[in-house]
Amino acid sequence: MEQQDELFRLYVNRLLKKHNVSAKKVELDDTEKERMRSIIENIQTEVQNYLDNTVKQVTEEDMGQDNDMVQEQNEEETENQSEANQSQTKVEYSEPTTKPKIYLKKNRKKRK
């Protein structure tokens, strides 16, 4: 976590130097400071929640509940697919709507 903080500080410092911004030049009133604090606190909590969720280990107990739901969904999908396959295999023959064209070779000259 400390490495990430250092990397973040380095990035912010370089960005501020690029745009010629220093702490002495920035003047924020109280409302802007409060908004800035709340935004930064929200970002910190979101990052911490994300990091906590990425570290969380999934156990077999967690998988048991999800596994039952997945199996039920798979069973429903296979039933739907089998019904769709059965409806597709039923083909009815009907008379063609147009007559096929027959081309006959008549009086063709051979090329030399």
C-alpha atoms as a PDB file:
ATOM      1  CA  MET A   1       0.000   0.000   0.000  1.00  0.00           C
ATOM      2  CA  GLU A   2       2.881   2.358   0.749  1.00  0.00           C
ATOM      3  CA  GLN A   3       4.315   1.827  -2.711  1.00  0.00           C
ATOM      4  CA  GLN A   4       1.018   2.786  -4.272  1.00  0.00           C
ATOM      5  CA  ASP A   5       0.907   5.961  -2.183  1.00  0.00           C
ATOM      6  CA  GLU A   6       4.436   6.879  -3.265  1.00  0.00           C
ATOM      7  CA  LEU A   7       3.620   6.237  -6.897  1.00  0.00           C
ATOM      8  CA  PHE A   8       0.492   8.360  -6.591  1.00  0.00           C
ATOM      9  CA  ARG A   9       2.430  11.224  -4.958  1.00  0.00           C
ATOM     10  CA  LEU A  10       5.080  11.077  -7.669  1.00  0.00           C
ATOM     11  CA  TYR A  11       2.450  11.194 -10.400  1.00  0.00           C
ATOM     12  CA  VAL A  12       0.597  14.114  -8.815  1.00  0.00           C
ATOM     13  CA  ASN A  13       3.806  16.086  -8.211  1.00  0.00           C
ATOM     14  CA  ARG A  14       4.910  15.646 -11.830  1.00  0.00           C
ATOM     15  CA  LEU A  15       1.470  16.649 -13.070  1.00  0.00           C
ATOM     16  CA  LEU A  16       1.433  19.784 -10.912  1.00  0.00           C
ATOM     17  CA  LYS A  17       4.971  20.752 -12.020  1.00  0.00           C
ATOM     18  CA  LYS A  18       3.974  20.289 -15.644  1.00  0.00           C
ATOM     19  CA  HIS A  19       1.209  22.881 -15.237  1.00  0.00           C
ATOM     20  CA  ASN A  20       3.260  25.207 -13.000  1.00  0.00           C
ATOM     21  CA  VAL A  21       1.060  24.700  -9.971  1.00  0.00           C
ATOM     22  CA  SER A  22       2.438  24.988  -6.447  1.00  0.00           C
ATOM     23  CA  ALA A  23       0.864  24.934  -3.002  1.00  0.00           C
ATOM     24  CA  LYS A  24       1.691  28.621  -2.558  1.00  0.00           C
ATOM     25  CA  LYS A  25      -0.157  29.631  -5.726  1.00  0.00           C
ATOM     26  CA  VAL A  26      -3.353  27.706  -4.995  1.00  0.00           C
ATOM     27  CA  GLU A  27      -5.959  29.616  -3.042  1.00  0.00           C
ATOM     28  CA  LEU A  28      -9.112  27.751  -2.122  1.00  0.00           C
ATOM     29  CA  ASP A  29     -11.939  29.100  -0.025  1.00  0.00           C
ATOM     30  CA  ASP A  30     -13.489  27.021   2.759  1.00  0.00           C
ATOM     31  CA  THR A  31     -16.270  25.513   0.626  1.00  0.00           C
ATOM     32  CA  GLU A  32     -13.805  24.416  -2.062  1.00  0.00           C
ATOM     33  CA  LYS A  33     -11.527  22.882   0.559  1.00  0.00           C
ATOM     34  CA  GLU A  34     -14.444  20.987   2.055  1.00  0.00           C
ATOM     35  CA  ARG A  35     -15.546  19.712  -1.369  1.00  0.00           C
ATOM     36  CA  MET A  36     -11.976  18.641  -2.118  1.00  0.00           C
ATOM     37  CA  ARG A  37     -11.750  16.760   1.191  1.00  0.00           C
ATOM     38  CA  SER A  38     -15.050  14.965   0.615  1.00  0.00           C
ATOM     39  CA  ILE A  39     -14.067  13.961  -2.923  1.00  0.00           C
ATOM     40  CA  ILE A  40     -10.714  12.616  -1.764  1.00  0.00           C
ATOM     41  CA  GLU A  41     -12.302  10.747   1.143  1.00  0.00           C
ATOM     42  CA  ASN A  42     -14.843   9.161  -1.223  1.00  0.00           C
ATOM     43  CA  ILE A  43     -12.084   8.080  -3.575  1.00  0.00           C
ATOM     44  CA  GLN A  44     -10.098   6.628  -0.680  1.00  0.00           C
ATOM     45  CA  THR A  45     -13.064   4.602   0.586  1.00  0.00           C
ATOM     46  CA  GLU A  46     -13.819   3.298  -2.916  1.00  0.00           C
ATOM     47  CA  VAL A  47     -10.205   2.260  -3.413  1.00  0.00           C
ATOM     48  CA  GLN A  48     -10.097   0.592  -0.012  1.00  0.00           C
ATOM     49  CA  ASN A  49     -13.333  -1.296  -0.730  1.00  0.00           C
ATOM     50  CA  TYR A  50     -11.922  -2.422  -4.061  1.00  0.00           C
ATOM     51  CA  LEU A  51      -8.694  -3.594  -2.478  1.00  0.00           C
ATOM     52  CA  ASP A  52     -10.585  -5.430   0.264  1.00  0.00           C
ATOM     53  CA  ASN A  53     -12.699  -7.240  -2.321  1.00  0.00           C
ATOM     54  CA  THR A  54      -9.712  -8.280  -4.419  1.00  0.00           C
ATOM     55  CA  VAL A  55      -8.007  -9.827  -1.402  1.00  0.00           C
ATOM     56  CA  LYS A  56     -11.111 -11.711  -0.263  1.00  0.00           C
ATOM     57  CA  GLN A  57     -10.725 -15.472  -0.511  1.00  0.00           C
ATOM     58  CA  VAL A  58     -13.570 -17.563  -1.858  1.00  0.00           C
ATOM     59  CA  THR A  59     -14.259 -20.725   0.094  1.00  0.00           C
ATOM     60  CA  GLU A  60     -16.132 -23.890  -0.829  1.00  0.00           C
ATOM     61  CA  GLU A  61     -19.070 -22.699   1.254  1.00  0.00           C
ATOM     62  CA  ASP A  62     -19.346 -19.595  -0.905  1.00  0.00           C
ATOM     63  CA  MET A  63     -19.249 -21.741  -4.014  1.00  0.00           C
ATOM     64  CA  GLY A  64     -21.920 -24.119  -2.698  1.00  0.00           C
ATOM     65  CA  GLN A  65     -24.645 -21.484  -2.766  1.00  0.00           C
ATOM     66  CA  ASP A  66     -23.635 -20.108  -6.133  1.00  0.00           C
ATOM     67  CA  ASN A  67     -23.088 -23.582  -7.544  1.00  0.00           C
ATOM     68  CA  ASP A  68     -26.713 -24.593  -6.907  1.00  0.00           C
ATOM     69  CA  MET A  69     -27.960 -21.507  -8.726  1.00  0.00           C
ATOM     70  CA  VAL A  70     -25.628 -22.122 -11.662  1.00  0.00           C
ATOM     71  CA  GLN A  71     -26.739 -25.742 -11.947  1.00  0.00           C
ATOM     72  CA  GLU A  72     -30.399 -24.688 -12.027  1.00  0.00           C
ATOM     73  CA  GLN A  73     -29.673 -22.146 -14.739  1.00  0.00           C
ATOM     74  CA  ASN A  74     -27.742 -24.721 -16.773  1.00  0.00           C
ATOM     75  CA  GLU A  75     -30.614 -27.204 -16.505  1.00  0.00           C
ATOM     76  CA  GLU A  76     -33.079 -24.574 -17.728  1.00  0.00           C
ATOM     77  CA  GLU A  77     -30.822 -23.676 -20.635  1.00  0.00           C
ATOM     78  CA  THR A  78     -30.440 -27.297 -21.715  1.00  0.00           C
ATOM     79  CA  GLU A  79     -34.215 -27.781 -21.580  1.00  0.00           C
ATOM     80  CA  ASN A  80     -34.732 -24.687 -23.708  1.00  0.00           C
ATOM     81  CA  GLN A  81     -32.094 -25.831 -26.185  1.00  0.00           C
ATOM     82  CA  SER A  82     -33.587 -29.307 -26.491  1.00  0.00           C
ATOM     83  CA  GLU A  83     -37.023 -27.809 -27.134  1.00  0.00           C
ATOM     84  CA  ALA A  84     -35.551 -25.522 -29.782  1.00  0.00           C
ATOM     85  CA  ASN A  85     -33.738 -28.440 -31.419  1.00  0.00           C
ATOM     86  CA  GLN A  86     -36.925 -30.498 -31.513  1.00  0.00           C
ATOM     87  CA  SER A  87     -38.831 -27.678 -33.164  1.00  0.00           C
ATOM     88  CA  GLN A  88     -36.060 -27.256 -35.726  1.00  0.00           C
ATOM     89  CA  THR A  89     -35.976 -30.950 -36.656  1.00  0.00           C
ATOM     90  CA  LYS A  90     -39.619 -30.923 -37.708  1.00  0.00           C
ATOM     91  CA  VAL A  91     -39.438 -30.050 -41.395  1.00  0.00           C
ATOM     92  CA  GLU A  92     -42.525 -30.048 -43.538  1.00  0.00           C
ATOM     93  CA  TYR A  93     -42.301 -30.545 -47.266  1.00  0.00           C
ATOM     94  CA  SER A  94     -44.191 -28.126 -49.461  1.00  0.00           C
ATOM     95  CA  GLU A  95     -44.430 -27.654 -53.195  1.00  0.00           C
ATOM     96  CA  PRO A  96     -41.849 -25.316 -54.672  1.00  0.00           C
ATOM     97  CA  THR A  97     -43.117 -21.871 -55.500  1.00  0.00           C
ATOM     98  CA  THR A  98     -41.114 -21.574 -58.715  1.00  0.00           C
ATOM     99  CA  LYS A  99     -40.188 -24.033 -61.391  1.00  0.00           C
ATOM    100  CA  PRO A 100     -36.521 -24.809 -61.828  1.00  0.00           C
ATOM    101  CA  LYS A 101     -34.874 -23.517 -64.979  1.00  0.00           C
ATOM    102  CA  ILE A 102     -33.266 -26.089 -67.210  1.00  0.00           C
ATOM    103  CA  TYR A 103     -30.444 -25.035 -69.443  1.00  0.00           C
ATOM    104  CA  LEU A 104     -29.730 -27.186 -72.422  1.00  0.00           C
ATOM    105  CA  LYS A 105     -26.644 -27.043 -74.543  1.00  0.00           C
ATOM    106  CA  LYS A 106     -27.810 -26.481 -78.097  1.00  0.00           C
ATOM    107  CA  ASN A 107     -25.847 -25.574 -81.152  1.00  0.00           C
ATOM    108  CA  ARG A 108     -22.741 -24.393 -79.388  1.00  0.00           C
ATOM    109  CA  LYS A 109     -19.679 -23.869 -81.465  1.00  0.00           C
ATOM    110  CA  LYS A 110     -16.428 -25.134 -80.162  1.00  0.00           C
ATOM    111  CA  ARG A 111     -13.580 -22.701 -79.810  1.00  0.00           C
ATOM    112  CA  LYS A 112     -10.325 -23.583 -81.397  1.00  0.00           C
END
